[in-house]
Amino acid sequence: MLLTAEQAAQRLQLRVSWLRRKAAARAIPCRYVGKHLRFTHDDLLAIADQAESGPNVPRTTRGRVP
């Protein structure tokens, strides 16, 4: 079963905008049916696993001096 971004965001308790942005950057598993973004159950599990393991890239300090 394929889920829309709205359905996936609701199940993952994430913002739809975050999910769409990450999908557009290919930073999370997803698929496009034509131009429509969709997620499978396995995609949601992988996204949840990624969230538990933390970010792959360290965050920047945005110009702050430590």
N, C-alpha and C. Protein backbone atom coordinates (compact mmCIF):
# COMPACT_ATOMS: atom_id res chain seq x y z
N MET A 1 0.84 -1.18 0.00
CA MET A 1 0.00 0.00 0.00
C MET A 1 0.88 1.24 0.00
N LEU A 2 0.58 2.17 -0.86
CA LEU A 2 1.34 3.41 -0.94
C LEU A 2 0.62 4.51 -0.15
N LEU A 3 1.41 5.28 0.58
CA LEU A 3 0.86 6.37 1.38
C LEU A 3 1.27 7.71 0.79
N THR A 4 0.41 8.69 0.94
CA THR A 4 0.75 10.05 0.53
C THR A 4 1.71 10.64 1.57
N ALA A 5 2.28 11.78 1.25
CA ALA A 5 3.17 12.45 2.20
C ALA A 5 2.41 12.82 3.47
N GLU A 6 1.17 13.23 3.32
CA GLU A 6 0.36 13.60 4.48
C GLU A 6 0.12 12.40 5.39
N GLN A 7 -0.22 11.27 4.79
CA GLN A 7 -0.46 10.06 5.57
C GLN A 7 0.82 9.58 6.25
N ALA A 8 1.93 9.61 5.52
CA ALA A 8 3.21 9.18 6.08
C ALA A 8 3.63 10.10 7.22
N ALA A 9 3.48 11.39 7.04
CA ALA A 9 3.85 12.35 8.08
C ALA A 9 3.03 12.13 9.34
N GLN A 10 1.76 11.85 9.16
CA GLN A 10 0.89 11.61 10.31
C GLN A 10 1.34 10.35 11.06
N ARG A 11 1.65 9.30 10.35
CA ARG A 11 2.07 8.06 11.00
C ARG A 11 3.43 8.18 11.67
N LEU A 12 4.31 8.99 11.07
CA LEU A 12 5.64 9.18 11.65
C LEU A 12 5.70 10.32 12.65
N GLN A 13 4.60 11.05 12.77
CA GLN A 13 4.51 12.22 13.64
C GLN A 13 5.57 13.26 13.26
N LEU A 14 5.61 13.55 11.97
CA LEU A 14 6.52 14.55 11.41
C LEU A 14 5.71 15.59 10.66
N ARG A 15 6.34 16.71 10.38
CA ARG A 15 5.70 17.72 9.54
C ARG A 15 5.77 17.28 8.09
N VAL A 16 4.71 17.54 7.37
CA VAL A 16 4.66 17.19 5.95
C VAL A 16 5.77 17.93 5.20
N SER A 17 6.00 19.18 5.56
CA SER A 17 7.03 19.97 4.87
C SER A 17 8.41 19.35 5.04
N TRP A 18 8.70 18.83 6.22
CA TRP A 18 9.99 18.18 6.46
C TRP A 18 10.12 16.95 5.57
N LEU A 19 9.07 16.16 5.55
CA LEU A 19 9.07 14.93 4.76
C LEU A 19 9.25 15.23 3.28
N ARG A 20 8.54 16.21 2.77
CA ARG A 20 8.66 16.58 1.35
C ARG A 20 10.06 17.11 1.03
N ARG A 21 10.60 17.94 1.91
CA ARG A 21 11.94 18.50 1.68
C ARG A 21 13.00 17.41 1.65
N LYS A 22 12.94 16.48 2.60
CA LYS A 22 13.91 15.39 2.64
C LYS A 22 13.74 14.46 1.44
N ALA A 23 12.51 14.22 1.04
CA ALA A 23 12.26 13.36 -0.13
C ALA A 23 12.80 14.02 -1.40
N ALA A 24 12.60 15.31 -1.54
CA ALA A 24 13.09 16.02 -2.73
C ALA A 24 14.61 15.98 -2.79
N ALA A 25 15.25 15.99 -1.64
CA ALA A 25 16.71 15.93 -1.58
C ALA A 25 17.22 14.49 -1.64
N ARG A 26 16.30 13.54 -1.72
CA ARG A 26 16.62 12.11 -1.74
C ARG A 26 17.37 11.69 -0.48
N ALA A 27 17.05 12.34 0.63
CA ALA A 27 17.69 12.04 1.91
C ALA A 27 16.95 10.96 2.68
N ILE A 28 15.75 10.62 2.24
CA ILE A 28 14.97 9.56 2.87
C ILE A 28 14.40 8.66 1.78
N PRO A 29 14.11 7.41 2.11
CA PRO A 29 13.53 6.51 1.11
C PRO A 29 12.11 6.95 0.74
N CYS A 30 11.85 6.98 -0.54
CA CYS A 30 10.53 7.34 -1.04
C CYS A 30 10.45 6.92 -2.49
N ARG A 31 9.31 7.13 -3.08
CA ARG A 31 9.16 6.85 -4.51
C ARG A 31 8.18 7.84 -5.10
N TYR A 32 8.33 8.05 -6.37
CA TYR A 32 7.42 8.93 -7.08
C TYR A 32 6.62 8.10 -8.07
N VAL A 33 5.33 8.31 -8.07
CA VAL A 33 4.45 7.70 -9.05
C VAL A 33 4.06 8.86 -9.96
N GLY A 34 4.75 8.92 -11.10
CA GLY A 34 4.63 10.11 -11.92
C GLY A 34 5.27 11.25 -11.15
N LYS A 35 4.51 12.29 -10.88
CA LYS A 35 5.04 13.41 -10.09
C LYS A 35 4.56 13.36 -8.64
N HIS A 36 3.86 12.31 -8.27
CA HIS A 36 3.27 12.20 -6.94
C HIS A 36 4.18 11.43 -5.99
N LEU A 37 4.48 12.05 -4.86
CA LEU A 37 5.33 11.45 -3.84
C LEU A 37 4.54 10.42 -3.05
N ARG A 38 5.12 9.24 -2.90
CA ARG A 38 4.47 8.17 -2.15
C ARG A 38 5.49 7.44 -1.29
N PHE A 39 5.00 6.80 -0.23
CA PHE A 39 5.84 6.05 0.69
C PHE A 39 5.23 4.68 0.93
N THR A 40 6.10 3.67 1.04
CA THR A 40 5.65 2.33 1.40
C THR A 40 5.86 2.13 2.90
N HIS A 41 5.34 1.04 3.40
CA HIS A 41 5.54 0.70 4.81
C HIS A 41 7.04 0.55 5.09
N ASP A 42 7.76 -0.09 4.18
CA ASP A 42 9.21 -0.26 4.35
C ASP A 42 9.93 1.09 4.35
N ASP A 43 9.46 2.03 3.54
CA ASP A 43 10.04 3.38 3.55
C ASP A 43 9.89 4.01 4.94
N LEU A 44 8.70 3.87 5.52
CA LEU A 44 8.45 4.46 6.84
C LEU A 44 9.34 3.83 7.90
N LEU A 45 9.52 2.52 7.82
CA LEU A 45 10.40 1.84 8.78
C LEU A 45 11.84 2.34 8.64
N ALA A 46 12.29 2.51 7.40
CA ALA A 46 13.65 2.99 7.16
C ALA A 46 13.82 4.42 7.66
N ILE A 47 12.82 5.25 7.46
CA ILE A 47 12.89 6.64 7.93
C ILE A 47 12.95 6.66 9.45
N ALA A 48 12.15 5.83 10.09
CA ALA A 48 12.16 5.75 11.55
C ALA A 48 13.51 5.25 12.05
N ASP A 49 14.10 4.27 11.37
CA ASP A 49 15.42 3.77 11.75
C ASP A 49 16.48 4.85 11.61
N GLN A 50 16.40 5.63 10.53
CA GLN A 50 17.35 6.73 10.33
C GLN A 50 17.23 7.75 11.45
N ALA A 51 16.00 8.03 11.85
CA ALA A 51 15.78 9.01 12.91
C ALA A 51 16.37 8.53 14.24
N GLU A 52 16.27 7.24 14.50
CA GLU A 52 16.82 6.69 15.74
C GLU A 52 18.33 6.70 15.75
N SER A 53 18.94 6.52 14.58
CA SER A 53 20.40 6.46 14.51
C SER A 53 21.03 7.85 14.46
N GLY A 54 20.23 8.88 14.27
CA GLY A 54 20.75 10.24 14.25
C GLY A 54 21.11 10.69 12.85
N PRO A 55 21.48 11.95 12.71
CA PRO A 55 21.80 12.50 11.39
C PRO A 55 23.10 11.92 10.85
N ASN A 56 23.19 11.85 9.53
CA ASN A 56 24.39 11.34 8.87
C ASN A 56 25.47 12.40 8.76
N VAL A 57 25.07 13.66 8.80
CA VAL A 57 26.00 14.76 8.62
C VAL A 57 25.94 15.66 9.85
N PRO A 58 27.08 16.05 10.40
CA PRO A 58 27.03 16.92 11.57
C PRO A 58 26.41 18.27 11.23
N ARG A 59 25.70 18.82 12.16
CA ARG A 59 25.07 20.12 11.96
C ARG A 59 26.10 21.22 12.08
N THR A 60 25.89 22.29 11.35
CA THR A 60 26.79 23.44 11.44
C THR A 60 26.30 24.38 12.52
N THR A 61 27.14 25.29 12.91
CA THR A 61 26.77 26.25 13.95
C THR A 61 26.23 27.54 13.37
N ARG A 62 26.09 27.60 12.06
CA ARG A 62 25.56 28.78 11.36
C ARG A 62 26.30 30.06 11.72
N GLY A 63 27.61 29.97 11.69
CA GLY A 63 28.41 31.17 11.90
C GLY A 63 28.61 31.57 13.35
N ARG A 64 28.09 30.81 14.27
CA ARG A 64 28.29 31.15 15.68
C ARG A 64 29.72 30.85 16.10
N VAL A 65 30.20 31.64 16.99
CA VAL A 65 31.52 31.40 17.54
C VAL A 65 31.33 30.66 18.86
N PRO A 66 31.92 29.47 18.97
CA PRO A 66 31.72 28.69 20.21
C PRO A 66 32.35 29.32 21.42
